[in-house]
Amino acid sequence: MIESKNDTSRNLEKALQALKQAQQRVANEKKKQNEKKRKAENHHKYIMGGIIVKYFPDCYSYDEGELNRILSVALQTKECQQIISKIKSESRETTPPQSTLTNAENESEGGTE
């Protein structure tokens, strides 16, 4: 009877330890996913900043509010709206079916760098 309780106690301890290990693996995986997301977002910000500097070298002489005003007005001009529409229509013509796009996005998120 005592051995039975000891076995049960050991099994319970092993199960609790396995649970803790599983929780740690989940936490580590979440951390990895957050890191990948943060890396992708930072890369995108870096690229976008580079584009702004390329076409608007004086951008560093303005603060964020001023840049927001400049870009919002520039993006609303007729010429800019025409270019945006043209690019959107071109991308629709060359965009693969949704399932293929989703697979490509998943591969890029899970790919090695």
PDB file of N, CA and C in Angstrom:
ATOM      1  N   MET A   1       0.813  -1.181   0.000  1.00  0.00           N
ATOM      2  CA  MET A   1       0.000   0.000   0.000  1.00  0.00           C
ATOM      3  C   MET A   1       0.868   1.262   0.000  1.00  0.00           C
ATOM      4  N   ILE A   2       1.907   1.274   0.846  1.00  0.00           N
ATOM      5  CA  ILE A   2       2.814   2.415   0.918  1.00  0.00           C
ATOM      6  C   ILE A   2       3.567   2.555  -0.402  1.00  0.00           C
ATOM      7  N   GLU A   3       3.997   1.421  -0.973  1.00  0.00           N
ATOM      8  CA  GLU A   3       4.697   1.460  -2.255  1.00  0.00           C
ATOM      9  C   GLU A   3       3.788   2.024  -3.332  1.00  0.00           C
ATOM     10  N   SER A   4       2.540   1.673  -3.287  1.00  0.00           N
ATOM     11  CA  SER A   4       1.577   2.186  -4.252  1.00  0.00           C
ATOM     12  C   SER A   4       1.474   3.704  -4.159  1.00  0.00           C
ATOM     13  N   LYS A   5       1.444   4.244  -2.956  1.00  0.00           N
ATOM     14  CA  LYS A   5       1.390   5.698  -2.780  1.00  0.00           C
ATOM     15  C   LYS A   5       2.679   6.347  -3.256  1.00  0.00           C
ATOM     16  N   ASN A   6       3.815   5.700  -2.997  1.00  0.00           N
ATOM     17  CA  ASN A   6       5.097   6.227  -3.456  1.00  0.00           C
ATOM     18  C   ASN A   6       5.155   6.252  -4.978  1.00  0.00           C
ATOM     19  N   ASP A   7       4.677   5.166  -5.622  1.00  0.00           N
ATOM     20  CA  ASP A   7       4.637   5.111  -7.081  1.00  0.00           C
ATOM     21  C   ASP A   7       3.732   6.209  -7.625  1.00  0.00           C
ATOM     22  N   THR A   8       2.590   6.371  -6.995  1.00  0.00           N
ATOM     23  CA  THR A   8       1.656   7.422  -7.427  1.00  0.00           C
ATOM     24  C   THR A   8       2.290   8.787  -7.258  1.00  0.00           C
ATOM     25  N   SER A   9       2.968   8.990  -6.159  1.00  0.00           N
ATOM     26  CA  SER A   9       3.628  10.262  -5.895  1.00  0.00           C
ATOM     27  C   SER A   9       4.726  10.531  -6.922  1.00  0.00           C
ATOM     28  N   ARG A  10       5.518   9.503  -7.221  1.00  0.00           N
ATOM     29  CA  ARG A  10       6.575   9.642  -8.237  1.00  0.00           C
ATOM     30  C   ARG A  10       5.973   9.932  -9.603  1.00  0.00           C
ATOM     31  N   ASN A  11       4.916   9.214  -9.947  1.00  0.00           N
ATOM     32  CA  ASN A  11       4.265   9.441 -11.238  1.00  0.00           C
ATOM     33  C   ASN A  11       3.704  10.854 -11.332  1.00  0.00           C
ATOM     34  N   LEU A  12       3.151  11.319 -10.234  1.00  0.00           N
ATOM     35  CA  LEU A  12       2.615  12.679 -10.184  1.00  0.00           C
ATOM     36  C   LEU A  12       3.741  13.698 -10.360  1.00  0.00           C
ATOM     37  N   GLU A  13       4.853  13.465  -9.690  1.00  0.00           N
ATOM     38  CA  GLU A  13       6.001  14.365  -9.821  1.00  0.00           C
ATOM     39  C   GLU A  13       6.526  14.380 -11.253  1.00  0.00           C
ATOM     40  N   LYS A  14       6.601  13.198 -11.862  1.00  0.00           N
ATOM     41  CA  LYS A  14       7.057  13.116 -13.253  1.00  0.00           C
ATOM     42  C   LYS A  14       6.091  13.856 -14.183  1.00  0.00           C
ATOM     43  N   ALA A  15       4.805  13.687 -13.936  1.00  0.00           N
ATOM     44  CA  ALA A  15       3.803  14.358 -14.767  1.00  0.00           C
ATOM     45  C   ALA A  15       3.898  15.875 -14.603  1.00  0.00           C
ATOM     46  N   LEU A  16       4.082  16.330 -13.369  1.00  0.00           N
ATOM     47  CA  LEU A  16       4.224  17.764 -13.126  1.00  0.00           C
ATOM     48  C   LEU A  16       5.484  18.312 -13.787  1.00  0.00           C
ATOM     49  N   GLN A  17       6.551  17.541 -13.731  1.00  0.00           N
ATOM     50  CA  GLN A  17       7.791  17.963 -14.365  1.00  0.00           C
ATOM     51  C   GLN A  17       7.604  18.022 -15.882  1.00  0.00           C
ATOM     52  N   ALA A  18       6.940  17.025 -16.438  1.00  0.00           N
ATOM     53  CA  ALA A  18       6.678  17.021 -17.880  1.00  0.00           C
ATOM     54  C   ALA A  18       5.810  18.218 -18.272  1.00  0.00           C
ATOM     55  N   LEU A  19       4.846  18.541 -17.427  1.00  0.00           N
ATOM     56  CA  LEU A  19       3.990  19.696 -17.684  1.00  0.00           C
ATOM     57  C   LEU A  19       4.812  20.983 -17.685  1.00  0.00           C
ATOM     58  N   LYS A  20       5.691  21.144 -16.715  1.00  0.00           N
ATOM     59  CA  LYS A  20       6.536  22.331 -16.651  1.00  0.00           C
ATOM     60  C   LYS A  20       7.424  22.439 -17.889  1.00  0.00           C
ATOM     61  N   GLN A  21       7.980  21.288 -18.307  1.00  0.00           N
ATOM     62  CA  GLN A  21       8.826  21.295 -19.497  1.00  0.00           C
ATOM     63  C   GLN A  21       8.021  21.686 -20.734  1.00  0.00           C
ATOM     64  N   ALA A  22       6.804  21.162 -20.844  1.00  0.00           N
ATOM     65  CA  ALA A  22       5.948  21.496 -21.981  1.00  0.00           C
ATOM     66  C   ALA A  22       5.597  22.984 -21.968  1.00  0.00           C
ATOM     67  N   GLN A  23       5.296  23.513 -20.789  1.00  0.00           N
ATOM     68  CA  GLN A  23       4.987  24.937 -20.681  1.00  0.00           C
ATOM     69  C   GLN A  23       6.195  25.780 -21.074  1.00  0.00           C
ATOM     70  N   GLN A  24       7.375  25.332 -20.694  1.00  0.00           N
ATOM     71  CA  GLN A  24       8.597  26.060 -21.055  1.00  0.00           C
ATOM     72  C   GLN A  24       8.827  26.025 -22.562  1.00  0.00           C
ATOM     73  N   ARG A  25       8.551  24.864 -23.186  1.00  0.00           N
ATOM     74  CA  ARG A  25       8.694  24.767 -24.648  1.00  0.00           C
ATOM     75  C   ARG A  25       7.714  25.706 -25.353  1.00  0.00           C
ATOM     76  N   VAL A  26       6.494  25.774 -24.847  1.00  0.00           N
ATOM     77  CA  VAL A  26       5.498  26.685 -25.421  1.00  0.00           C
ATOM     78  C   VAL A  26       5.969  28.133 -25.265  1.00  0.00           C
ATOM     79  N   ALA A  27       6.447  28.479 -24.091  1.00  0.00           N
ATOM     80  CA  ALA A  27       6.926  29.840 -23.848  1.00  0.00           C
ATOM     81  C   ALA A  27       8.103  30.175 -24.765  1.00  0.00           C
ATOM     82  N   ASN A  28       9.014  29.224 -24.944  1.00  0.00           N
ATOM     83  CA  ASN A  28      10.158  29.445 -25.831  1.00  0.00           C
ATOM     84  C   ASN A  28       9.710  29.630 -27.273  1.00  0.00           C
ATOM     85  N   GLU A  29       8.738  28.843 -27.701  1.00  0.00           N
ATOM     86  CA  GLU A  29       8.237  28.954 -29.073  1.00  0.00           C
ATOM     87  C   GLU A  29       7.551  30.296 -29.290  1.00  0.00           C
ATOM     88  N   LYS A  30       6.778  30.735 -28.310  1.00  0.00           N
ATOM     89  CA  LYS A  30       6.135  32.050 -28.403  1.00  0.00           C
ATOM     90  C   LYS A  30       7.197  33.147 -28.501  1.00  0.00           C
ATOM     91  N   LYS A  31       8.232  32.991 -27.708  1.00  0.00           N
ATOM     92  CA  LYS A  31       9.310  33.972 -27.718  1.00  0.00           C
ATOM     93  C   LYS A  31       9.982  34.017 -29.099  1.00  0.00           C
ATOM     94  N   LYS A  32      10.214  32.850 -29.684  1.00  0.00           N
ATOM     95  CA  LYS A  32      10.812  32.786 -31.024  1.00  0.00           C
ATOM     96  C   LYS A  32       9.919  33.458 -32.050  1.00  0.00           C
ATOM     97  N   GLN A  33       8.606  33.184 -31.982  1.00  0.00           N
ATOM     98  CA  GLN A  33       7.664  33.778 -32.926  1.00  0.00           C
ATOM     99  C   GLN A  33       7.632  35.300 -32.774  1.00  0.00           C
ATOM    100  N   ASN A  34       7.626  35.781 -31.546  1.00  0.00           N
ATOM    101  CA  ASN A  34       7.640  37.228 -31.316  1.00  0.00           C
ATOM    102  C   ASN A  34       8.925  37.856 -31.851  1.00  0.00           C
ATOM    103  N   GLU A  35      10.026  37.161 -31.668  1.00  0.00           N
ATOM    104  CA  GLU A  35      11.313  37.655 -32.174  1.00  0.00           C
ATOM    105  C   GLU A  35      11.295  37.731 -33.696  1.00  0.00           C
ATOM    106  N   LYS A  36      10.758  36.716 -34.351  1.00  0.00           N
ATOM    107  CA  LYS A  36      10.666  36.727 -35.818  1.00  0.00           C
ATOM    108  C   LYS A  36       9.796  37.883 -36.293  1.00  0.00           C
ATOM    109  N   LYS A  37       8.671  38.078 -35.611  1.00  0.00           N
ATOM    110  CA  LYS A  37       7.759  39.157 -35.983  1.00  0.00           C
ATOM    111  C   LYS A  37       8.434  40.508 -35.796  1.00  0.00           C
ATOM    112  N   ARG A  38       9.101  40.686 -34.665  1.00  0.00           N
ATOM    113  CA  ARG A  38       9.796  41.943 -34.391  1.00  0.00           C
ATOM    114  C   ARG A  38      10.888  42.207 -35.428  1.00  0.00           C
ATOM    115  N   LYS A  39      11.614  41.159 -35.790  1.00  0.00           N
ATOM    116  CA  LYS A  39      12.673  41.285 -36.784  1.00  0.00           C
ATOM    117  C   LYS A  39      12.112  41.716 -38.136  1.00  0.00           C
ATOM    118  N   ALA A  40      11.009  41.094 -38.540  1.00  0.00           N
ATOM    119  CA  ALA A  40      10.372  41.428 -39.816  1.00  0.00           C
ATOM    120  C   ALA A  40       9.861  42.872 -39.796  1.00  0.00           C
ATOM    121  N   GLU A  41       9.252  43.271 -38.685  1.00  0.00           N
ATOM    122  CA  GLU A  41       8.750  44.645 -38.572  1.00  0.00           C
ATOM    123  C   GLU A  41       9.898  45.647 -38.619  1.00  0.00           C
ATOM    124  N   ASN A  42      10.976  45.359 -37.921  1.00  0.00           N
ATOM    125  CA  ASN A  42      12.125  46.258 -37.923  1.00  0.00           C
ATOM    126  C   ASN A  42      12.758  46.353 -39.308  1.00  0.00           C
ATOM    127  N   HIS A  43      12.821  45.224 -40.001  1.00  0.00           N
ATOM    128  CA  HIS A  43      13.367  45.226 -41.360  1.00  0.00           C
ATOM    129  C   HIS A  43      12.498  46.095 -42.268  1.00  0.00           C
ATOM    130  N   HIS A  44      11.185  45.945 -42.132  1.00  0.00           N
ATOM    131  CA  HIS A  44      10.264  46.737 -42.945  1.00  0.00           C
ATOM    132  C   HIS A  44      10.428  48.227 -42.646  1.00  0.00           C
ATOM    133  N   LYS A  45      10.544  48.576 -41.374  1.00  0.00           N
ATOM    134  CA  LYS A  45      10.743  49.980 -41.000  1.00  0.00           C
ATOM    135  C   LYS A  45      12.047  50.509 -41.599  1.00  0.00           C
ATOM    136  N   TYR A  46      13.082  49.693 -41.566  1.00  0.00           N
ATOM    137  CA  TYR A  46      14.378  50.085 -42.104  1.00  0.00           C
ATOM    138  C   TYR A  46      14.279  50.349 -43.599  1.00  0.00           C
ATOM    139  N   ILE A  47      13.615  49.444 -44.320  1.00  0.00           N
ATOM    140  CA  ILE A  47      13.449  49.584 -45.769  1.00  0.00           C
ATOM    141  C   ILE A  47      12.630  50.841 -46.082  1.00  0.00           C
ATOM    142  N   MET A  48      11.521  51.026 -45.360  1.00  0.00           N
ATOM    143  CA  MET A  48      10.668  52.187 -45.609  1.00  0.00           C
ATOM    144  C   MET A  48      11.427  53.485 -45.325  1.00  0.00           C
ATOM    145  N   GLY A  49      12.196  53.499 -44.262  1.00  0.00           N
ATOM    146  CA  GLY A  49      12.997  54.679 -43.955  1.00  0.00           C
ATOM    147  C   GLY A  49      14.003  54.967 -45.042  1.00  0.00           C
ATOM    148  N   GLY A  50      14.593  53.923 -45.592  1.00  0.00           N
ATOM    149  CA  GLY A  50      15.554  54.087 -46.679  1.00  0.00           C
ATOM    150  C   GLY A  50      14.910  54.665 -47.928  1.00  0.00           C
ATOM    151  N   ILE A  51      13.678  54.253 -48.185  1.00  0.00           N
ATOM    152  CA  ILE A  51      12.958  54.780 -49.351  1.00  0.00           C
ATOM    153  C   ILE A  51      12.682  56.275 -49.163  1.00  0.00           C
ATOM    154  N   ILE A  52      12.249  56.643 -47.968  1.00  0.00           N
ATOM    155  CA  ILE A  52      11.978  58.059 -47.695  1.00  0.00           C
ATOM    156  C   ILE A  52      13.254  58.878 -47.885  1.00  0.00           C
ATOM    157  N   VAL A  53      14.355  58.414 -47.337  1.00  0.00           N
ATOM    158  CA  VAL A  53      15.622  59.144 -47.450  1.00  0.00           C
ATOM    159  C   VAL A  53      16.065  59.226 -48.908  1.00  0.00           C
ATOM    160  N   LYS A  54      15.855  58.166 -49.652  1.00  0.00           N
ATOM    161  CA  LYS A  54      16.285  58.138 -51.060  1.00  0.00           C
ATOM    162  C   LYS A  54      15.589  59.227 -51.872  1.00  0.00           C
ATOM    163  N   TYR A  55      14.286  59.366 -51.682  1.00  0.00           N
ATOM    164  CA  TYR A  55      13.527  60.308 -52.488  1.00  0.00           C
ATOM    165  C   TYR A  55      13.293  61.654 -51.803  1.00  0.00           C
ATOM    166  N   PHE A  56      13.638  61.759 -50.539  1.00  0.00           N
ATOM    167  CA  PHE A  56      13.454  62.993 -49.788  1.00  0.00           C
ATOM    168  C   PHE A  56      14.625  63.142 -48.815  1.00  0.00           C
ATOM    169  N   PRO A  57      15.816  63.437 -49.379  1.00  0.00           N
ATOM    170  CA  PRO A  57      17.032  63.474 -48.551  1.00  0.00           C
ATOM    171  C   PRO A  57      16.971  64.461 -47.383  1.00  0.00           C
ATOM    172  N   ASP A  58      16.164  65.509 -47.489  1.00  0.00           N
ATOM    173  CA  ASP A  58      16.074  66.501 -46.424  1.00  0.00           C
ATOM    174  C   ASP A  58      15.186  66.042 -45.274  1.00  0.00           C
ATOM    175  N   CYS A  59      14.683  64.831 -45.307  1.00  0.00           N
ATOM    176  CA  CYS A  59      13.712  64.373 -44.312  1.00  0.00           C
ATOM    177  C   CYS A  59      14.234  64.480 -42.879  1.00  0.00           C
ATOM    178  N   TYR A  60      15.537  64.396 -42.692  1.00  0.00           N
ATOM    179  CA  TYR A  60      16.075  64.451 -41.337  1.00  0.00           C
ATOM    180  C   TYR A  60      15.984  65.846 -40.715  1.00  0.00           C
ATOM    181  N   SER A  61      15.725  66.856 -41.543  1.00  0.00           N
ATOM    182  CA  SER A  61      15.620  68.205 -40.989  1.00  0.00           C
ATOM    183  C   SER A  61      14.204  68.519 -40.495  1.00  0.00           C
ATOM    184  N   TYR A  62      13.290  67.527 -40.567  1.00  0.00           N
ATOM    185  CA  TYR A  62      11.911  67.705 -40.124  1.00  0.00           C
ATOM    186  C   TYR A  62      11.612  66.752 -38.981  1.00  0.00           C
ATOM    187  N   ASP A  63      10.707  67.174 -38.093  1.00  0.00           N
ATOM    188  CA  ASP A  63      10.300  66.264 -37.028  1.00  0.00           C
ATOM    189  C   ASP A  63       9.172  65.359 -37.535  1.00  0.00           C
ATOM    190  N   GLU A  64       8.749  64.442 -36.714  1.00  0.00           N
ATOM    191  CA  GLU A  64       7.752  63.449 -37.132  1.00  0.00           C
ATOM    192  C   GLU A  64       6.437  64.091 -37.572  1.00  0.00           C
ATOM    193  N   GLY A  65       5.967  65.069 -36.830  1.00  0.00           N
ATOM    194  CA  GLY A  65       4.712  65.740 -37.177  1.00  0.00           C
ATOM    195  C   GLY A  65       4.783  66.428 -38.528  1.00  0.00           C
ATOM    196  N   GLU A  66       5.895  67.093 -38.772  1.00  0.00           N
ATOM    197  CA  GLU A  66       6.074  67.774 -40.063  1.00  0.00           C
ATOM    198  C   GLU A  66       6.132  66.767 -41.208  1.00  0.00           C
ATOM    199  N   LEU A  67       6.851  65.676 -40.990  1.00  0.00           N
ATOM    200  CA  LEU A  67       6.924  64.643 -42.033  1.00  0.00           C
ATOM    201  C   LEU A  67       5.555  64.030 -42.296  1.00  0.00           C
ATOM    202  N   ASN A  68       4.775  63.815 -41.242  1.00  0.00           N
ATOM    203  CA  ASN A  68       3.417  63.288 -41.427  1.00  0.00           C
ATOM    204  C   ASN A  68       2.588  64.223 -42.289  1.00  0.00           C
ATOM    205  N   ARG A  69       2.684  65.544 -42.036  1.00  0.00           N
ATOM    206  CA  ARG A  69       1.935  66.511 -42.835  1.00  0.00           C
ATOM    207  C   ARG A  69       2.388  66.485 -44.287  1.00  0.00           C
ATOM    208  N   ILE A  70       3.698  66.477 -44.504  1.00  0.00           N
ATOM    209  CA  ILE A  70       4.250  66.487 -45.863  1.00  0.00           C
ATOM    210  C   ILE A  70       3.800  65.249 -46.627  1.00  0.00           C
ATOM    211  N   LEU A  71       3.959  64.079 -45.999  1.00  0.00           N
ATOM    212  CA  LEU A  71       3.612  62.831 -46.691  1.00  0.00           C
ATOM    213  C   LEU A  71       2.113  62.692 -46.918  1.00  0.00           C
ATOM    214  N   SER A  72       1.310  63.125 -45.953  1.00  0.00           N
ATOM    215  CA  SER A  72      -0.136  62.990 -46.142  1.00  0.00           C
ATOM    216  C   SER A  72      -0.616  63.853 -47.307  1.00  0.00           C
ATOM    217  N   VAL A  73      -0.070  65.053 -47.451  1.00  0.00           N
ATOM    218  CA  VAL A  73      -0.442  65.915 -48.573  1.00  0.00           C
ATOM    219  C   VAL A  73       0.093  65.337 -49.884  1.00  0.00           C
ATOM    220  N   ALA A  74       1.346  64.896 -49.859  1.00  0.00           N
ATOM    221  CA  ALA A  74       1.948  64.352 -51.078  1.00  0.00           C
ATOM    222  C   ALA A  74       1.195  63.118 -51.576  1.00  0.00           C
ATOM    223  N   LEU A  75       0.788  62.261 -50.653  1.00  0.00           N
ATOM    224  CA  LEU A  75       0.089  61.037 -51.050  1.00  0.00           C
ATOM    225  C   LEU A  75      -1.330  61.305 -51.536  1.00  0.00           C
ATOM    226  N   GLN A  76      -1.881  62.456 -51.237  1.00  0.00           N
ATOM    227  CA  GLN A  76      -3.233  62.779 -51.683  1.00  0.00           C
ATOM    228  C   GLN A  76      -3.272  63.497 -53.025  1.00  0.00           C
ATOM    229  N   THR A  77      -2.126  63.844 -53.572  1.00  0.00           N
ATOM    230  CA  THR A  77      -2.124  64.529 -54.863  1.00  0.00           C
ATOM    231  C   THR A  77      -2.651  63.606 -55.939  1.00  0.00           C
ATOM    232  N   LYS A  78      -3.198  64.215 -56.997  1.00  0.00           N
ATOM    233  CA  LYS A  78      -3.793  63.455 -58.098  1.00  0.00           C
ATOM    234  C   LYS A  78      -2.746  62.537 -58.740  1.00  0.00           C
ATOM    235  N   GLU A  79      -1.559  63.078 -58.962  1.00  0.00           N
ATOM    236  CA  GLU A  79      -0.489  62.295 -59.595  1.00  0.00           C
ATOM    237  C   GLU A  79      -0.122  61.070 -58.756  1.00  0.00           C
ATOM    238  N   CYS A  80       0.014  61.265 -57.459  1.00  0.00           N
ATOM    239  CA  CYS A  80       0.372  60.156 -56.565  1.00  0.00           C
ATOM    240  C   CYS A  80      -0.737  59.111 -56.537  1.00  0.00           C
ATOM    241  N   GLN A  81      -1.983  59.559 -56.467  1.00  0.00           N
ATOM    242  CA  GLN A  81      -3.115  58.620 -56.452  1.00  0.00           C
ATOM    243  C   GLN A  81      -3.172  57.812 -57.747  1.00  0.00           C
ATOM    244  N   GLN A  82      -2.858  58.441 -58.871  1.00  0.00           N
ATOM    245  CA  GLN A  82      -2.839  57.726 -60.151  1.00  0.00           C
ATOM    246  C   GLN A  82      -1.756  56.646 -60.158  1.00  0.00           C
ATOM    247  N   ILE A  83      -0.606  56.983 -59.653  1.00  0.00           N
ATOM    248  CA  ILE A  83       0.500  56.013 -59.597  1.00  0.00           C
ATOM    249  C   ILE A  83       0.136  54.854 -58.664  1.00  0.00           C
ATOM    250  N   ILE A  84      -0.453  55.181 -57.513  1.00  0.00           N
ATOM    251  CA  ILE A  84      -0.855  54.128 -56.565  1.00  0.00           C
ATOM    252  C   ILE A  84      -1.864  53.193 -57.223  1.00  0.00           C
ATOM    253  N   SER A  85      -2.857  53.757 -57.904  1.00  0.00           N
ATOM    254  CA  SER A  85      -3.867  52.938 -58.587  1.00  0.00           C
ATOM    255  C   SER A  85      -3.238  52.061 -59.662  1.00  0.00           C
ATOM    256  N   LYS A  86      -2.311  52.629 -60.416  1.00  0.00           N
ATOM    257  CA  LYS A  86      -1.635  51.873 -61.471  1.00  0.00           C
ATOM    258  C   LYS A  86      -0.853  50.699 -60.875  1.00  0.00           C
ATOM    259  N   ILE A  87      -0.127  50.963 -59.800  1.00  0.00           N
ATOM    260  CA  ILE A  87       0.669  49.904 -59.163  1.00  0.00           C
ATOM    261  C   ILE A  87      -0.240  48.826 -58.591  1.00  0.00           C
ATOM    262  N   LYS A  88      -1.354  49.217 -57.973  1.00  0.00           N
ATOM    263  CA  LYS A  88      -2.296  48.230 -57.440  1.00  0.00           C
ATOM    264  C   LYS A  88      -2.848  47.351 -58.543  1.00  0.00           C
ATOM    265  N   SER A  89      -3.228  47.949 -59.672  1.00  0.00           N
ATOM    266  CA  SER A  89      -3.788  47.144 -60.767  1.00  0.00           C
ATOM    267  C   SER A  89      -2.732  46.216 -61.355  1.00  0.00           C
ATOM    268  N   GLU A  90      -1.503  46.694 -61.462  1.00  0.00           N
ATOM    269  CA  GLU A  90      -0.420  45.837 -61.950  1.00  0.00           C
ATOM    270  C   GLU A  90      -0.169  44.675 -61.002  1.00  0.00           C
ATOM    271  N   SER A  91      -0.225  44.952 -59.703  1.00  0.00           N
ATOM    272  CA  SER A  91       0.042  43.882 -58.735  1.00  0.00           C
ATOM    273  C   SER A  91      -1.091  42.862 -58.740  1.00  0.00           C
ATOM    274  N   ARG A  92      -2.325  43.287 -58.990  1.00  0.00           N
ATOM    275  CA  ARG A  92      -3.442  42.329 -59.081  1.00  0.00           C
ATOM    276  C   ARG A  92      -3.258  41.405 -60.277  1.00  0.00           C
ATOM    277  N   GLU A  93      -2.710  41.941 -61.361  1.00  0.00           N
ATOM    278  CA  GLU A  93      -2.485  41.141 -62.566  1.00  0.00           C
ATOM    279  C   GLU A  93      -1.410  40.087 -62.354  1.00  0.00           C
ATOM    280  N   THR A  94      -0.424  40.415 -61.530  1.00  0.00           N
ATOM    281  CA  THR A  94       0.704  39.495 -61.333  1.00  0.00           C
ATOM    282  C   THR A  94       0.631  38.716 -60.038  1.00  0.00           C
ATOM    283  N   THR A  95      -0.389  38.990 -59.212  1.00  0.00           N
ATOM    284  CA  THR A  95      -0.508  38.309 -57.922  1.00  0.00           C
ATOM    285  C   THR A  95      -0.988  36.879 -58.126  1.00  0.00           C
ATOM    286  N   PRO A  96      -0.293  35.899 -57.516  1.00  0.00           N
ATOM    287  CA  PRO A  96      -0.733  34.503 -57.635  1.00  0.00           C
ATOM    288  C   PRO A  96      -2.027  34.281 -56.865  1.00  0.00           C
ATOM    289  N   PRO A  97      -2.687  33.152 -57.073  1.00  0.00           N
ATOM    290  CA  PRO A  97      -3.904  32.845 -56.307  1.00  0.00           C
ATOM    291  C   PRO A  97      -3.632  32.926 -54.810  1.00  0.00           C
ATOM    292  N   GLN A  98      -4.670  33.183 -54.029  1.00  0.00           N
ATOM    293  CA  GLN A  98      -4.540  33.418 -52.589  1.00  0.00           C
ATOM    294  C   GLN A  98      -3.844  32.285 -51.859  1.00  0.00           C
ATOM    295  N   SER A  99      -4.158  31.029 -52.190  1.00  0.00           N
ATOM    296  CA  SER A  99      -3.552  29.912 -51.465  1.00  0.00           C
ATOM    297  C   SER A  99      -2.047  29.873 -51.671  1.00  0.00           C
ATOM    298  N   THR A 100      -1.586  30.195 -52.872  1.00  0.00           N
ATOM    299  CA  THR A 100      -0.150  30.222 -53.137  1.00  0.00           C
ATOM    300  C   THR A 100       0.504  31.359 -52.372  1.00  0.00           C
ATOM    301  N   LEU A 101      -0.156  32.508 -52.354  1.00  0.00           N
ATOM    302  CA  LEU A 101       0.386  33.648 -51.624  1.00  0.00           C
ATOM    303  C   LEU A 101       0.504  33.330 -50.146  1.00  0.00           C
ATOM    304  N   THR A 102      -0.511  32.709 -49.583  1.00  0.00           N
ATOM    305  CA  THR A 102      -0.478  32.346 -48.165  1.00  0.00           C
ATOM    306  C   THR A 102       0.676  31.398 -47.884  1.00  0.00           C
ATOM    307  N   ASN A 103       0.895  30.416 -48.753  1.00  0.00           N
ATOM    308  CA  ASN A 103       2.007  29.489 -48.562  1.00  0.00           C
ATOM    309  C   ASN A 103       3.339  30.220 -48.631  1.00  0.00           C
ATOM    310  N   ALA A 104       3.463  31.156 -49.562  1.00  0.00           N
ATOM    311  CA  ALA A 104       4.717  31.900 -49.686  1.00  0.00           C
ATOM    312  C   ALA A 104       4.959  32.743 -48.443  1.00  0.00           C
ATOM    313  N   GLU A 105       3.897  33.353 -47.900  1.00  0.00           N
ATOM    314  CA  GLU A 105       4.057  34.144 -46.686  1.00  0.00           C
ATOM    315  C   GLU A 105       4.479  33.261 -45.526  1.00  0.00           C
ATOM    316  N   ASN A 106       3.869  32.087 -45.406  1.00  0.00           N
ATOM    317  CA  ASN A 106       4.219  31.179 -44.321  1.00  0.00           C
ATOM    318  C   ASN A 106       5.657  30.721 -44.436  1.00  0.00           C
ATOM    319  N   GLU A 107       6.103  30.467 -45.682  1.00  0.00           N
ATOM    320  CA  GLU A 107       7.482  30.035 -45.866  1.00  0.00           C
ATOM    321  C   GLU A 107       8.443  31.144 -45.494  1.00  0.00           C
ATOM    322  N   SER A 108       8.102  32.404 -45.861  1.00  0.00           N
ATOM    323  CA  SER A 108       9.009  33.500 -45.550  1.00  0.00           C
ATOM    324  C   SER A 108       9.066  33.739 -44.045  1.00  0.00           C
ATOM    325  N   GLU A 109       7.951  33.528 -43.349  1.00  0.00           N
ATOM    326  CA  GLU A 109       7.955  33.706 -41.896  1.00  0.00           C
ATOM    327  C   GLU A 109       8.750  32.615 -41.207  1.00  0.00           C
ATOM    328  N   GLY A 110       8.695  31.422 -41.742  1.00  0.00           N
ATOM    329  CA  GLY A 110       9.365  30.301 -41.089  1.00  0.00           C
ATOM    330  C   GLY A 110      10.734  30.007 -41.655  1.00  0.00           C
ATOM    331  N   GLY A 111      11.153  30.782 -42.665  1.00  0.00           N
ATOM    332  CA  GLY A 111      12.429  30.521 -43.316  1.00  0.00           C
ATOM    333  C   GLY A 111      13.606  30.841 -42.437  1.00  0.00           C
ATOM    334  N   THR A 112      14.757  30.358 -42.822  1.00  0.00           N
ATOM    335  CA  THR A 112      15.974  30.650 -42.061  1.00  0.00           C
ATOM    336  C   THR A 112      16.608  31.905 -42.611  1.00  0.00           C
ATOM    337  N   GLU A 113      17.273  32.615 -41.747  1.00  0.00           N
ATOM    338  CA  GLU A 113      17.942  33.858 -42.166  1.00  0.00           C
ATOM    339  C   GLU A 113      19.408  33.767 -41.912  1.00  0.00           C
TER     340      GLU A 113
END
